[in-house]
Each structure stands twice: as C-alpha cells, then as structure tokens.
Amino acid sequence: MIEQDRELNKKKTHLLMLLMLAEADDHDHDLELMFISKVASRLGVSNEEVARIDKNPETVTFIIPKMEHERMEILYDLLFLMKFD
C-alpha cells in the first residue's frame, strides 16, 4: 500500500470509528453528526466521503495509527463524541 493510500485510510478509519460509536445506540443525534462533520473537515475529508464510509464501511481498510499522538487524537474524538449522547 502506498503511503498516500495509507494516510487516507487512517483518516477513514478515524471517521469510521466515530460513525460506529454514533450509531451504537441506534439514534442519530444532530450534535454527533455535526461533530463528525467537523472532524472530517479537520482531517480534510469531505462530507460526501463520510456518507460513503457510513453507507459502505466494509470498503474502509482499517488501519490503526502507529504513532501514539495519532491514536490519542482518535481517543479524544471518541470521548468528545460520547459526551453528546
């Protein structure tokens, strides 16, 4: 896998984890969706791509970042998302 694809898949994995957490209670909450949209924007991923990830999560090559600060960023976003529910 080339580095550019790996980086994109790390971003998609980050968003997929947020989407999975948001959907865990089977309720769509506007604040959760707004937060995910802001994270996507921060990562440079379009809302259209987020919708594709949400509809077809199996297309995402799940990649856990190697760098601790990248893993912590995901953890923080998951924790912030949990506060909205």
C-alpha atoms as a PDB file:
ATOM      1  CA  MET A   1       0.000   0.000   0.000  1.00  0.00           C
ATOM      2  CA  ILE A   2       1.458   3.348  -0.968  1.00  0.00           C
ATOM      3  CA  GLU A   3       1.886   5.963   1.757  1.00  0.00           C
ATOM      4  CA  GLN A   4      -0.798   8.285   0.341  1.00  0.00           C
ATOM      5  CA  ASP A   5      -3.397   5.486   0.413  1.00  0.00           C
ATOM      6  CA  ARG A   6      -2.308   4.528   3.931  1.00  0.00           C
ATOM      7  CA  GLU A   7      -2.796   8.095   5.176  1.00  0.00           C
ATOM      8  CA  LEU A   8      -6.245   8.333   3.570  1.00  0.00           C
ATOM      9  CA  ASN A   9      -7.248   5.003   5.109  1.00  0.00           C
ATOM     10  CA  LYS A  10      -6.068   6.175   8.533  1.00  0.00           C
ATOM     11  CA  LYS A  11      -8.393   9.186   8.184  1.00  0.00           C
ATOM     12  CA  LYS A  12     -11.247   6.970   7.017  1.00  0.00           C
ATOM     13  CA  THR A  13     -10.617   4.590   9.922  1.00  0.00           C
ATOM     14  CA  HIS A  14     -10.762   7.544  12.332  1.00  0.00           C
ATOM     15  CA  LEU A  15     -14.114   8.610  10.883  1.00  0.00           C
ATOM     16  CA  LEU A  16     -15.456   5.055  10.736  1.00  0.00           C
ATOM     17  CA  MET A  17     -14.771   4.581  14.442  1.00  0.00           C
ATOM     18  CA  LEU A  18     -16.684   7.800  15.171  1.00  0.00           C
ATOM     19  CA  LEU A  19     -19.571   6.714  12.956  1.00  0.00           C
ATOM     20  CA  MET A  20     -19.715   3.298  14.602  1.00  0.00           C
ATOM     21  CA  LEU A  21     -19.823   4.871  18.061  1.00  0.00           C
ATOM     22  CA  ALA A  22     -22.509   7.355  16.996  1.00  0.00           C
ATOM     23  CA  GLU A  23     -24.654   4.523  15.647  1.00  0.00           C
ATOM     24  CA  ALA A  24     -24.173   2.257  18.664  1.00  0.00           C
ATOM     25  CA  ASP A  25     -27.430   3.436  20.268  1.00  0.00           C
ATOM     26  CA  ASP A  26     -29.439   3.288  17.008  1.00  0.00           C
ATOM     27  CA  HIS A  27     -30.237   7.022  17.238  1.00  0.00           C
ATOM     28  CA  ASP A  28     -28.955   9.806  15.020  1.00  0.00           C
ATOM     29  CA  HIS A  29     -28.174  12.856  17.098  1.00  0.00           C
ATOM     30  CA  ASP A  30     -27.588  16.166  15.327  1.00  0.00           C
ATOM     31  CA  LEU A  31     -24.715  17.105  17.646  1.00  0.00           C
ATOM     32  CA  GLU A  32     -22.943  13.823  16.925  1.00  0.00           C
ATOM     33  CA  LEU A  33     -23.291  14.308  13.181  1.00  0.00           C
ATOM     34  CA  MET A  34     -22.082  17.910  13.422  1.00  0.00           C
ATOM     35  CA  PHE A  35     -19.054  16.810  15.432  1.00  0.00           C
ATOM     36  CA  ILE A  36     -18.202  14.068  12.926  1.00  0.00           C
ATOM     37  CA  SER A  37     -18.519  16.614  10.120  1.00  0.00           C
ATOM     38  CA  LYS A  38     -16.104  18.956  11.918  1.00  0.00           C
ATOM     39  CA  VAL A  39     -13.612  16.137  12.471  1.00  0.00           C
ATOM     40  CA  ALA A  40     -13.873  15.201   8.792  1.00  0.00           C
ATOM     41  CA  SER A  41     -13.200  18.804   7.826  1.00  0.00           C
ATOM     42  CA  ARG A  42     -10.186  18.901  10.154  1.00  0.00           C
ATOM     43  CA  LEU A  43      -8.886  15.719   8.509  1.00  0.00           C
ATOM     44  CA  GLY A  44      -9.511  17.058   5.000  1.00  0.00           C
ATOM     45  CA  VAL A  45     -12.269  14.564   4.197  1.00  0.00           C
ATOM     46  CA  SER A  46     -15.477  15.729   2.515  1.00  0.00           C
ATOM     47  CA  ASN A  47     -18.936  15.148   3.926  1.00  0.00           C
ATOM     48  CA  GLU A  48     -19.702  13.161   0.779  1.00  0.00           C
ATOM     49  CA  GLU A  49     -16.849  10.797   1.598  1.00  0.00           C
ATOM     50  CA  VAL A  50     -18.137  10.482   5.179  1.00  0.00           C
ATOM     51  CA  ALA A  51     -21.534   9.482   3.770  1.00  0.00           C
ATOM     52  CA  ARG A  52     -19.834   6.841   1.569  1.00  0.00           C
ATOM     53  CA  ILE A  53     -17.951   5.484   4.584  1.00  0.00           C
ATOM     54  CA  ASP A  54     -21.201   5.358   6.555  1.00  0.00           C
ATOM     55  CA  LYS A  55     -23.074   3.515   3.790  1.00  0.00           C
ATOM     56  CA  ASN A  56     -20.231   1.135   2.909  1.00  0.00           C
ATOM     57  CA  PRO A  57     -17.989   0.676   5.949  1.00  0.00           C
ATOM     58  CA  GLU A  58     -16.626  -2.577   4.543  1.00  0.00           C
ATOM     59  CA  THR A  59     -14.757  -0.563   1.883  1.00  0.00           C
ATOM     60  CA  VAL A  60     -12.501   1.023   4.510  1.00  0.00           C
ATOM     61  CA  THR A  61      -9.164  -0.665   5.059  1.00  0.00           C
ATOM     62  CA  PHE A  62      -8.977  -0.454   8.843  1.00  0.00           C
ATOM     63  CA  ILE A  63      -5.606   0.984   9.879  1.00  0.00           C
ATOM     64  CA  ILE A  64      -4.632   1.766  13.451  1.00  0.00           C
ATOM     65  CA  PRO A  65      -2.034   4.559  13.515  1.00  0.00           C
ATOM     66  CA  LYS A  66       1.428   3.624  14.737  1.00  0.00           C
ATOM     67  CA  MET A  67       2.155   6.981  16.338  1.00  0.00           C
ATOM     68  CA  GLU A  68       0.860   7.437  19.876  1.00  0.00           C
ATOM     69  CA  HIS A  69      -0.263  11.033  19.280  1.00  0.00           C
ATOM     70  CA  GLU A  70      -2.417   9.887  16.336  1.00  0.00           C
ATOM     71  CA  ARG A  71      -4.035   7.168  18.459  1.00  0.00           C
ATOM     72  CA  MET A  72      -4.632   9.709  21.237  1.00  0.00           C
ATOM     73  CA  GLU A  73      -6.316  12.061  18.749  1.00  0.00           C
ATOM     74  CA  ILE A  74      -8.776   9.295  17.862  1.00  0.00           C
ATOM     75  CA  LEU A  75      -9.362   8.519  21.529  1.00  0.00           C
ATOM     76  CA  TYR A  76     -10.045  12.175  22.338  1.00  0.00           C
ATOM     77  CA  ASP A  77     -12.501  12.452  19.454  1.00  0.00           C
ATOM     78  CA  LEU A  78     -14.289   9.287  20.621  1.00  0.00           C
ATOM     79  CA  LEU A  79     -14.518  10.670  24.154  1.00  0.00           C
ATOM     80  CA  PHE A  80     -15.858  14.028  22.949  1.00  0.00           C
ATOM     81  CA  LEU A  81     -18.415  12.236  20.776  1.00  0.00           C
ATOM     82  CA  MET A  82     -19.582  10.193  23.758  1.00  0.00           C
ATOM     83  CA  LYS A  83     -20.378  13.401  25.636  1.00  0.00           C
ATOM     84  CA  PHE A  84     -23.006  14.339  23.026  1.00  0.00           C
ATOM     85  CA  ASP A  85     -25.142  11.310  23.723  1.00  0.00           C
END
